[in-house]
Amino acid sequence: MPEYRVVDAFTAEPLSGNPAAVLVLDDTYPEAWAQGVAAEFNLSETAFARRIEGPDADFELRWFTPRVEVDLCGHATLATAHALTELGVQGPIRFSTRSGILTVERRDGRLWMDFPARPASEAEEPEGLAEALGARPLWVGRGGTNDLLVELADEATVRSLDPDQAGLARIPARGVIVTARGDKGAEDGPDIVSRFFAPNVGVPEDPVTGSAHTVIAPFWAERLGRTDFLAHQASPRGGDLHLQLTGDRVLIGGDAVTVATGNLNL
């Protein structure tokens, strides 16, 4: 019976951040089975890791929402690395994925993921976007993740959004990232804030989205003239991400905590 872990990513506190189910498997598995397991967990992502022998990677890693397999998922990668370290795997951990080789290592007391940057190019605002969000975009672009990146006026606007999910589902994109500069009311407040809505892949709002920050980091690096940020995803659960833009890569650092373990009766 396969063992699973549910891990809250981008947080050191249980019941916050973004939960992902993680299965570390010994053998190959049918794609339909993995999709069914992901639908059963009904979390934004379920990750399936399988040890492989190769010069570039130690594990194959795949990510499934309740509806589809996706090309890149940050929080479930972080959750998987956390689960593997609990199982005694020494880092750096190299994953073979649909987005290439991804590496995770522990540094400065947290796990750091090395992801490709996916900068957004300015794009025409899709019809119905402002109405669906309930806010007027300042800038719209499309990132390499096939997500729309939408800059809004301020942190308060990002936090107060209550979008029309049916309207967002009509937008031709994997998801919609909204972002603004942090108000920095507190000395240790975030430099940037965001939220992520993806009804087209079965995730009305993702609590904390690592892949979205491969788009967010280069956007704000250009505007703020710096390459290191503290980012906060302002969903109801919320989570913090440490970002470092290095050339065409984004290093994403975060904490994680295991909240449940068990076995599937399958």
C-alpha atoms as a PDB file:
ATOM      1  CA  MET A   1       0.000   0.000   0.000  1.00  0.00           C
ATOM      2  CA  PRO A   2       1.576   3.320  -1.031  1.00  0.00           C
ATOM      3  CA  GLU A   3       2.503   5.697   1.764  1.00  0.00           C
ATOM      4  CA  TYR A   4       1.560   9.339   1.516  1.00  0.00           C
ATOM      5  CA  ARG A   5       2.364  12.564   3.318  1.00  0.00           C
ATOM      6  CA  VAL A   6       0.386  15.795   3.362  1.00  0.00           C
ATOM      7  CA  VAL A   7       2.813  18.684   3.645  1.00  0.00           C
ATOM      8  CA  ASP A   8       2.058  22.372   4.169  1.00  0.00           C
ATOM      9  CA  ALA A   9       4.540  24.287   1.993  1.00  0.00           C
ATOM     10  CA  PHE A  10       5.830  27.849   2.304  1.00  0.00           C
ATOM     11  CA  THR A  11       5.082  27.944   6.003  1.00  0.00           C
ATOM     12  CA  ALA A  12       6.600  26.739   9.273  1.00  0.00           C
ATOM     13  CA  GLU A  13       3.162  26.580  10.907  1.00  0.00           C
ATOM     14  CA  PRO A  14       0.691  23.729  10.312  1.00  0.00           C
ATOM     15  CA  LEU A  15      -2.673  24.593   8.742  1.00  0.00           C
ATOM     16  CA  SER A  16      -1.262  27.485   6.738  1.00  0.00           C
ATOM     17  CA  GLY A  17       0.711  27.785   3.513  1.00  0.00           C
ATOM     18  CA  ASN A  18      -0.209  25.457   0.661  1.00  0.00           C
ATOM     19  CA  PRO A  19      -0.934  21.762   1.304  1.00  0.00           C
ATOM     20  CA  ALA A  20       0.241  19.112  -1.146  1.00  0.00           C
ATOM     21  CA  ALA A  21      -0.047  15.348  -0.998  1.00  0.00           C
ATOM     22  CA  VAL A  22       3.236  13.551  -1.706  1.00  0.00           C
ATOM     23  CA  LEU A  23       3.686   9.917  -2.738  1.00  0.00           C
ATOM     24  CA  VAL A  24       7.178   8.452  -3.048  1.00  0.00           C
ATOM     25  CA  LEU A  25       6.840   5.305  -5.167  1.00  0.00           C
ATOM     26  CA  ASP A  26       9.171   2.419  -5.978  1.00  0.00           C
ATOM     27  CA  ASP A  27       7.891   1.628  -9.450  1.00  0.00           C
ATOM     28  CA  THR A  28       6.087   3.043 -12.460  1.00  0.00           C
ATOM     29  CA  TYR A  29       2.350   3.723 -12.247  1.00  0.00           C
ATOM     30  CA  PRO A  30      -0.537   4.358 -14.662  1.00  0.00           C
ATOM     31  CA  GLU A  31      -1.271   8.004 -15.387  1.00  0.00           C
ATOM     32  CA  ALA A  32      -5.005   7.400 -14.917  1.00  0.00           C
ATOM     33  CA  TRP A  33      -4.293   5.984 -11.433  1.00  0.00           C
ATOM     34  CA  ALA A  34      -2.255   9.050 -10.485  1.00  0.00           C
ATOM     35  CA  GLN A  35      -4.996  11.363 -11.727  1.00  0.00           C
ATOM     36  CA  GLY A  36      -7.562   9.425  -9.728  1.00  0.00           C
ATOM     37  CA  VAL A  37      -5.460   9.658  -6.575  1.00  0.00           C
ATOM     38  CA  ALA A  38      -5.064  13.419  -7.085  1.00  0.00           C
ATOM     39  CA  ALA A  39      -8.828  13.783  -7.497  1.00  0.00           C
ATOM     40  CA  GLU A  40      -9.328  11.750  -4.304  1.00  0.00           C
ATOM     41  CA  PHE A  41      -7.027  14.016  -2.273  1.00  0.00           C
ATOM     42  CA  ASN A  42      -8.688  17.050  -3.909  1.00  0.00           C
ATOM     43  CA  LEU A  43      -5.782  19.337  -3.015  1.00  0.00           C
ATOM     44  CA  SER A  44      -4.468  21.874  -5.483  1.00  0.00           C
ATOM     45  CA  GLU A  45      -1.592  19.476  -6.264  1.00  0.00           C
ATOM     46  CA  THR A  46      -0.579  15.898  -5.576  1.00  0.00           C
ATOM     47  CA  ALA A  47       3.059  15.026  -6.300  1.00  0.00           C
ATOM     48  CA  PHE A  48       4.375  11.620  -7.377  1.00  0.00           C
ATOM     49  CA  ALA A  49       8.099  10.991  -6.951  1.00  0.00           C
ATOM     50  CA  ARG A  50       9.887   7.883  -8.195  1.00  0.00           C
ATOM     51  CA  ARG A  51      13.579   7.113  -7.787  1.00  0.00           C
ATOM     52  CA  ILE A  52      15.426   6.786 -11.092  1.00  0.00           C
ATOM     53  CA  GLU A  53      18.985   6.028 -12.130  1.00  0.00           C
ATOM     54  CA  GLY A  54      20.558   8.685 -14.316  1.00  0.00           C
ATOM     55  CA  PRO A  55      23.432  11.145 -14.547  1.00  0.00           C
ATOM     56  CA  ASP A  56      21.287  14.262 -14.121  1.00  0.00           C
ATOM     57  CA  ALA A  57      18.466  13.376 -11.730  1.00  0.00           C
ATOM     58  CA  ASP A  58      17.726  11.205  -8.706  1.00  0.00           C
ATOM     59  CA  PHE A  59      13.920  11.211  -8.902  1.00  0.00           C
ATOM     60  CA  GLU A  60      11.204  11.591 -11.498  1.00  0.00           C
ATOM     61  CA  LEU A  61       8.607  14.086 -10.275  1.00  0.00           C
ATOM     62  CA  ARG A  62       5.096  14.670 -11.652  1.00  0.00           C
ATOM     63  CA  TRP A  63       2.334  16.960 -10.421  1.00  0.00           C
ATOM     64  CA  PHE A  64      -1.432  16.525 -10.771  1.00  0.00           C
ATOM     65  CA  THR A  65      -4.282  18.866  -9.879  1.00  0.00           C
ATOM     66  CA  PRO A  66      -7.674  17.216  -9.260  1.00  0.00           C
ATOM     67  CA  ARG A  67      -8.273  17.559 -13.012  1.00  0.00           C
ATOM     68  CA  VAL A  68      -5.016  17.626 -15.001  1.00  0.00           C
ATOM     69  CA  GLU A  69      -1.276  16.999 -14.951  1.00  0.00           C
ATOM     70  CA  VAL A  70       0.702  20.262 -14.966  1.00  0.00           C
ATOM     71  CA  ASP A  71       4.148  21.204 -16.262  1.00  0.00           C
ATOM     72  CA  LEU A  72       5.418  22.960 -13.142  1.00  0.00           C
ATOM     73  CA  CYS A  73       4.389  23.231  -9.505  1.00  0.00           C
ATOM     74  CA  GLY A  74       6.519  24.955  -6.900  1.00  0.00           C
ATOM     75  CA  HIS A  75       4.786  24.192  -3.629  1.00  0.00           C
ATOM     76  CA  ALA A  76       4.460  20.485  -4.395  1.00  0.00           C
ATOM     77  CA  THR A  77       8.151  20.364  -5.342  1.00  0.00           C
ATOM     78  CA  LEU A  78       9.024  21.958  -2.016  1.00  0.00           C
ATOM     79  CA  ALA A  79       6.688  19.522  -0.249  1.00  0.00           C
ATOM     80  CA  THR A  80       8.295  16.565  -2.024  1.00  0.00           C
ATOM     81  CA  ALA A  81      11.815  17.672  -1.107  1.00  0.00           C
ATOM     82  CA  HIS A  82      10.683  18.086   2.494  1.00  0.00           C
ATOM     83  CA  ALA A  83       9.152  14.575   2.490  1.00  0.00           C
ATOM     84  CA  LEU A  84      12.306  13.061   1.010  1.00  0.00           C
ATOM     85  CA  THR A  85      14.520  14.696   3.630  1.00  0.00           C
ATOM     86  CA  GLU A  86      12.252  13.185   6.293  1.00  0.00           C
ATOM     87  CA  LEU A  87      12.852   9.821   4.625  1.00  0.00           C
ATOM     88  CA  GLY A  88      16.608  10.337   4.939  1.00  0.00           C
ATOM     89  CA  VAL A  89      17.465  11.502   1.405  1.00  0.00           C
ATOM     90  CA  GLN A  90      20.492  13.773   1.377  1.00  0.00           C
ATOM     91  CA  GLY A  91      20.489  16.879  -0.796  1.00  0.00           C
ATOM     92  CA  PRO A  92      20.848  18.424  -3.188  1.00  0.00           C
ATOM     93  CA  ILE A  93      17.854  16.559  -4.611  1.00  0.00           C
ATOM     94  CA  ARG A  94      17.587  16.536  -8.403  1.00  0.00           C
ATOM     95  CA  PHE A  95      14.195  16.018 -10.021  1.00  0.00           C
ATOM     96  CA  SER A  96      13.495  15.107 -13.646  1.00  0.00           C
ATOM     97  CA  THR A  97      10.267  16.908 -14.607  1.00  0.00           C
ATOM     98  CA  ARG A  98       8.279  18.184 -17.556  1.00  0.00           C
ATOM     99  CA  SER A  99      10.047  21.519 -16.948  1.00  0.00           C
ATOM    100  CA  GLY A 100      13.535  20.004 -17.055  1.00  0.00           C
ATOM    101  CA  ILE A 101      15.882  19.223 -14.187  1.00  0.00           C
ATOM    102  CA  LEU A 102      14.903  20.979 -10.958  1.00  0.00           C
ATOM    103  CA  THR A 103      17.216  20.999  -7.941  1.00  0.00           C
ATOM    104  CA  VAL A 104      16.337  21.559  -4.289  1.00  0.00           C
ATOM    105  CA  GLU A 105      18.875  22.011  -1.502  1.00  0.00           C
ATOM    106  CA  ARG A 106      18.849  23.157   2.115  1.00  0.00           C
ATOM    107  CA  ARG A 107      20.578  26.468   2.803  1.00  0.00           C
ATOM    108  CA  ASP A 108      20.220  29.062   5.562  1.00  0.00           C
ATOM    109  CA  GLY A 109      17.720  26.871   7.410  1.00  0.00           C
ATOM    110  CA  ARG A 110      15.236  26.542   4.542  1.00  0.00           C
ATOM    111  CA  LEU A 111      14.766  24.612   1.318  1.00  0.00           C
ATOM    112  CA  TRP A 112      15.693  26.408  -1.908  1.00  0.00           C
ATOM    113  CA  MET A 113      14.329  25.410  -5.311  1.00  0.00           C
ATOM    114  CA  ASP A 114      16.183  26.300  -8.508  1.00  0.00           C
ATOM    115  CA  PHE A 115      13.574  27.005 -11.201  1.00  0.00           C
ATOM    116  CA  PRO A 116      13.730  28.525 -14.696  1.00  0.00           C
ATOM    117  CA  ALA A 117      12.582  32.141 -14.842  1.00  0.00           C
ATOM    118  CA  ARG A 118       9.455  32.571 -17.000  1.00  0.00           C
ATOM    119  CA  PRO A 119       9.241  36.354 -17.532  1.00  0.00           C
ATOM    120  CA  ALA A 120       6.029  37.887 -18.815  1.00  0.00           C
ATOM    121  CA  SER A 121       5.736  39.819 -22.053  1.00  0.00           C
ATOM    122  CA  GLU A 122       3.253  42.673 -22.168  1.00  0.00           C
ATOM    123  CA  ALA A 123      -0.045  41.563 -23.686  1.00  0.00           C
ATOM    124  CA  GLU A 124      -3.412  43.012 -24.585  1.00  0.00           C
ATOM    125  CA  GLU A 125      -5.867  42.902 -21.710  1.00  0.00           C
ATOM    126  CA  PRO A 126      -8.355  40.083 -22.391  1.00  0.00           C
ATOM    127  CA  GLU A 127     -11.974  41.070 -22.686  1.00  0.00           C
ATOM    128  CA  GLY A 128     -13.784  40.650 -19.390  1.00  0.00           C
ATOM    129  CA  LEU A 129     -10.649  40.470 -17.220  1.00  0.00           C
ATOM    130  CA  ALA A 130     -11.276  43.639 -15.209  1.00  0.00           C
ATOM    131  CA  GLU A 131     -14.920  42.714 -14.685  1.00  0.00           C
ATOM    132  CA  ALA A 132     -14.018  39.199 -13.532  1.00  0.00           C
ATOM    133  CA  LEU A 133     -11.386  40.500 -11.097  1.00  0.00           C
ATOM    134  CA  GLY A 134     -13.430  43.453  -9.908  1.00  0.00           C
ATOM    135  CA  ALA A 135     -10.336  45.673 -10.260  1.00  0.00           C
ATOM    136  CA  ARG A 136      -8.685  47.672 -13.019  1.00  0.00           C
ATOM    137  CA  PRO A 137      -5.294  46.287 -14.167  1.00  0.00           C
ATOM    138  CA  LEU A 138      -2.332  48.655 -14.393  1.00  0.00           C
ATOM    139  CA  TRP A 139      -0.378  46.223 -16.585  1.00  0.00           C
ATOM    140  CA  VAL A 140      -1.074  42.844 -18.174  1.00  0.00           C
ATOM    141  CA  GLY A 141       1.420  40.325 -19.486  1.00  0.00           C
ATOM    142  CA  ARG A 142       1.658  36.642 -20.293  1.00  0.00           C
ATOM    143  CA  GLY A 143       4.373  34.517 -18.703  1.00  0.00           C
ATOM    144  CA  GLY A 144       6.053  31.366 -19.942  1.00  0.00           C
ATOM    145  CA  THR A 145       3.815  29.380 -17.606  1.00  0.00           C
ATOM    146  CA  ASN A 146       0.806  30.395 -19.779  1.00  0.00           C
ATOM    147  CA  ASP A 147      -0.432  32.489 -16.868  1.00  0.00           C
ATOM    148  CA  LEU A 148      -1.612  36.066 -17.143  1.00  0.00           C
ATOM    149  CA  LEU A 149       0.310  38.444 -14.887  1.00  0.00           C
ATOM    150  CA  VAL A 150      -1.787  41.402 -13.756  1.00  0.00           C
ATOM    151  CA  GLU A 151      -0.369  44.341 -11.815  1.00  0.00           C
ATOM    152  CA  LEU A 152      -2.903  46.035  -9.551  1.00  0.00           C
ATOM    153  CA  ALA A 153      -2.810  49.390  -7.812  1.00  0.00           C
ATOM    154  CA  ASP A 154      -1.740  48.343  -4.318  1.00  0.00           C
ATOM    155  CA  GLU A 155      -1.576  45.604  -1.700  1.00  0.00           C
ATOM    156  CA  ALA A 156      -5.032  46.391  -0.330  1.00  0.00           C
ATOM    157  CA  THR A 157      -6.593  45.837  -3.757  1.00  0.00           C
ATOM    158  CA  VAL A 158      -4.877  42.456  -4.112  1.00  0.00           C
ATOM    159  CA  ARG A 159      -5.989  41.350  -0.657  1.00  0.00           C
ATOM    160  CA  SER A 160      -9.606  42.450  -1.085  1.00  0.00           C
ATOM    161  CA  LEU A 161     -10.307  40.702  -4.408  1.00  0.00           C
ATOM    162  CA  ASP A 162     -13.345  38.448  -4.579  1.00  0.00           C
ATOM    163  CA  PRO A 163     -13.271  37.531  -8.251  1.00  0.00           C
ATOM    164  CA  ASP A 164     -15.968  36.034 -10.447  1.00  0.00           C
ATOM    165  CA  GLN A 165     -14.580  32.527 -10.971  1.00  0.00           C
ATOM    166  CA  ALA A 166     -16.812  31.829 -13.969  1.00  0.00           C
ATOM    167  CA  GLY A 167     -15.531  35.006 -15.581  1.00  0.00           C
ATOM    168  CA  LEU A 168     -11.905  34.057 -14.894  1.00  0.00           C
ATOM    169  CA  ALA A 169     -12.526  30.616 -16.398  1.00  0.00           C
ATOM    170  CA  ARG A 170     -13.328  32.325 -19.699  1.00  0.00           C
ATOM    171  CA  ILE A 171      -9.848  33.907 -19.788  1.00  0.00           C
ATOM    172  CA  PRO A 172      -7.581  31.872 -22.137  1.00  0.00           C
ATOM    173  CA  ALA A 173      -4.787  31.055 -19.676  1.00  0.00           C
ATOM    174  CA  ARG A 174      -3.735  28.409 -17.170  1.00  0.00           C
ATOM    175  CA  GLY A 175      -4.333  30.946 -14.408  1.00  0.00           C
ATOM    176  CA  VAL A 176      -4.344  34.610 -13.464  1.00  0.00           C
ATOM    177  CA  ILE A 177      -1.606  36.012 -11.223  1.00  0.00           C
ATOM    178  CA  VAL A 178      -2.395  39.330  -9.557  1.00  0.00           C
ATOM    179  CA  THR A 179       0.390  41.282  -7.884  1.00  0.00           C
ATOM    180  CA  ALA A 180       1.295  44.636  -6.340  1.00  0.00           C
ATOM    181  CA  ARG A 181       4.091  46.195  -4.336  1.00  0.00           C
ATOM    182  CA  GLY A 182       3.898  45.541  -0.623  1.00  0.00           C
ATOM    183  CA  ASP A 183       2.828  48.457   1.540  1.00  0.00           C
ATOM    184  CA  LYS A 184       5.747  47.739   3.925  1.00  0.00           C
ATOM    185  CA  GLY A 185       3.719  48.983   6.862  1.00  0.00           C
ATOM    186  CA  ALA A 186       5.737  46.601   9.048  1.00  0.00           C
ATOM    187  CA  GLU A 187       9.521  46.622   9.014  1.00  0.00           C
ATOM    188  CA  ASP A 188       9.582  42.942   8.078  1.00  0.00           C
ATOM    189  CA  GLY A 189       6.625  43.156   5.686  1.00  0.00           C
ATOM    190  CA  PRO A 190       6.746  41.726   2.171  1.00  0.00           C
ATOM    191  CA  ASP A 191       8.278  43.558  -0.764  1.00  0.00           C
ATOM    192  CA  ILE A 192       5.590  42.199  -3.089  1.00  0.00           C
ATOM    193  CA  VAL A 193       2.221  40.499  -2.690  1.00  0.00           C
ATOM    194  CA  SER A 194       0.215  38.278  -4.998  1.00  0.00           C
ATOM    195  CA  ARG A 195      -2.708  35.910  -5.395  1.00  0.00           C
ATOM    196  CA  PHE A 196      -3.286  33.181  -7.971  1.00  0.00           C
ATOM    197  CA  PHE A 197      -6.584  32.058  -9.497  1.00  0.00           C
ATOM    198  CA  ALA A 198      -6.747  29.011 -11.786  1.00  0.00           C
ATOM    199  CA  PRO A 199     -10.323  27.743 -12.250  1.00  0.00           C
ATOM    200  CA  ASN A 200      -9.377  26.356 -15.679  1.00  0.00           C
ATOM    201  CA  VAL A 201      -7.268  23.640 -14.000  1.00  0.00           C
ATOM    202  CA  GLY A 202      -9.666  23.027 -11.119  1.00  0.00           C
ATOM    203  CA  VAL A 203      -8.048  25.405  -8.596  1.00  0.00           C
ATOM    204  CA  PRO A 204     -10.267  28.455  -7.927  1.00  0.00           C
ATOM    205  CA  GLU A 205      -7.549  29.998  -5.715  1.00  0.00           C
ATOM    206  CA  ASP A 206      -4.190  28.407  -4.984  1.00  0.00           C
ATOM    207  CA  PRO A 207      -2.975  29.233  -1.454  1.00  0.00           C
ATOM    208  CA  VAL A 208       0.735  29.689  -2.361  1.00  0.00           C
ATOM    209  CA  THR A 209       2.099  29.178  -5.872  1.00  0.00           C
ATOM    210  CA  GLY A 210       5.814  28.649  -6.468  1.00  0.00           C
ATOM    211  CA  SER A 211       5.531  28.493 -10.267  1.00  0.00           C
ATOM    212  CA  ALA A 212       3.762  31.872 -10.372  1.00  0.00           C
ATOM    213  CA  HIS A 213       6.828  33.432  -8.779  1.00  0.00           C
ATOM    214  CA  THR A 214       8.979  32.397 -11.737  1.00  0.00           C
ATOM    215  CA  VAL A 215       6.927  35.072 -13.529  1.00  0.00           C
ATOM    216  CA  ILE A 216       6.604  37.506 -10.606  1.00  0.00           C
ATOM    217  CA  ALA A 217      10.340  37.657  -9.747  1.00  0.00           C
ATOM    218  CA  PRO A 218      11.614  38.963 -13.119  1.00  0.00           C
ATOM    219  CA  PHE A 219       8.678  41.395 -13.355  1.00  0.00           C
ATOM    220  CA  TRP A 220       9.495  43.090 -10.053  1.00  0.00           C
ATOM    221  CA  ALA A 221      13.256  42.840 -10.524  1.00  0.00           C
ATOM    222  CA  GLU A 222      12.944  45.077 -13.568  1.00  0.00           C
ATOM    223  CA  ARG A 223      10.692  47.584 -11.825  1.00  0.00           C
ATOM    224  CA  LEU A 224      12.408  47.721  -8.441  1.00  0.00           C
ATOM    225  CA  GLY A 225      15.997  47.398  -9.639  1.00  0.00           C
ATOM    226  CA  ARG A 226      16.848  44.526  -7.282  1.00  0.00           C
ATOM    227  CA  THR A 227      17.030  40.745  -7.414  1.00  0.00           C
ATOM    228  CA  ASP A 228      16.165  39.634  -3.845  1.00  0.00           C
ATOM    229  CA  PHE A 229      12.617  39.834  -2.479  1.00  0.00           C
ATOM    230  CA  LEU A 230      10.378  38.665   0.317  1.00  0.00           C
ATOM    231  CA  ALA A 231       7.077  37.772  -1.315  1.00  0.00           C
ATOM    232  CA  HIS A 232       3.762  37.019   0.359  1.00  0.00           C
ATOM    233  CA  GLN A 233       0.874  35.253  -1.334  1.00  0.00           C
ATOM    234  CA  ALA A 234      -2.161  36.791   0.311  1.00  0.00           C
ATOM    235  CA  SER A 235      -4.658  33.942   0.058  1.00  0.00           C
ATOM    236  CA  PRO A 236      -6.785  33.112   3.106  1.00  0.00           C
ATOM    237  CA  ARG A 237      -4.117  30.572   4.195  1.00  0.00           C
ATOM    238  CA  GLY A 238      -1.188  32.728   3.071  1.00  0.00           C
ATOM    239  CA  GLY A 239       2.489  31.912   2.711  1.00  0.00           C
ATOM    240  CA  ASP A 240       5.938  33.493   2.388  1.00  0.00           C
ATOM    241  CA  LEU A 241       8.498  32.957  -0.363  1.00  0.00           C
ATOM    242  CA  HIS A 242      12.104  34.164  -0.476  1.00  0.00           C
ATOM    243  CA  LEU A 243      13.069  34.990  -4.058  1.00  0.00           C
ATOM    244  CA  GLN A 244      16.482  35.418  -5.657  1.00  0.00           C
ATOM    245  CA  LEU A 245      16.711  36.124  -9.386  1.00  0.00           C
ATOM    246  CA  THR A 246      19.997  34.840 -10.833  1.00  0.00           C
ATOM    247  CA  GLY A 247      20.237  35.293 -14.592  1.00  0.00           C
ATOM    248  CA  ASP A 248      17.572  33.133 -16.177  1.00  0.00           C
ATOM    249  CA  ARG A 249      16.901  31.198 -12.952  1.00  0.00           C
ATOM    250  CA  VAL A 250      14.741  31.945  -9.916  1.00  0.00           C
ATOM    251  CA  LEU A 251      15.751  30.561  -6.535  1.00  0.00           C
ATOM    252  CA  ILE A 252      12.650  30.119  -4.373  1.00  0.00           C
ATOM    253  CA  GLY A 253      13.178  29.490  -0.676  1.00  0.00           C
ATOM    254  CA  GLY A 254      10.596  28.366   1.838  1.00  0.00           C
ATOM    255  CA  ASP A 255       9.733  26.263   4.851  1.00  0.00           C
ATOM    256  CA  ALA A 256       7.480  23.211   5.006  1.00  0.00           C
ATOM    257  CA  VAL A 257       5.842  21.048   7.674  1.00  0.00           C
ATOM    258  CA  THR A 258       4.270  17.579   7.497  1.00  0.00           C
ATOM    259  CA  VAL A 259       0.724  17.526   8.876  1.00  0.00           C
ATOM    260  CA  ALA A 260      -0.411  13.986   8.046  1.00  0.00           C
ATOM    261  CA  THR A 261       0.967  10.584   7.015  1.00  0.00           C
ATOM    262  CA  GLY A 262      -0.785   7.392   6.073  1.00  0.00           C
ATOM    263  CA  ASN A 263      -1.260   4.614   3.541  1.00  0.00           C
ATOM    264  CA  LEU A 264      -3.557   4.367   0.549  1.00  0.00           C
ATOM    265  CA  ASN A 265      -5.746   1.282   0.526  1.00  0.00           C
ATOM    266  CA  LEU A 266      -5.183   0.829  -3.174  1.00  0.00           C
END
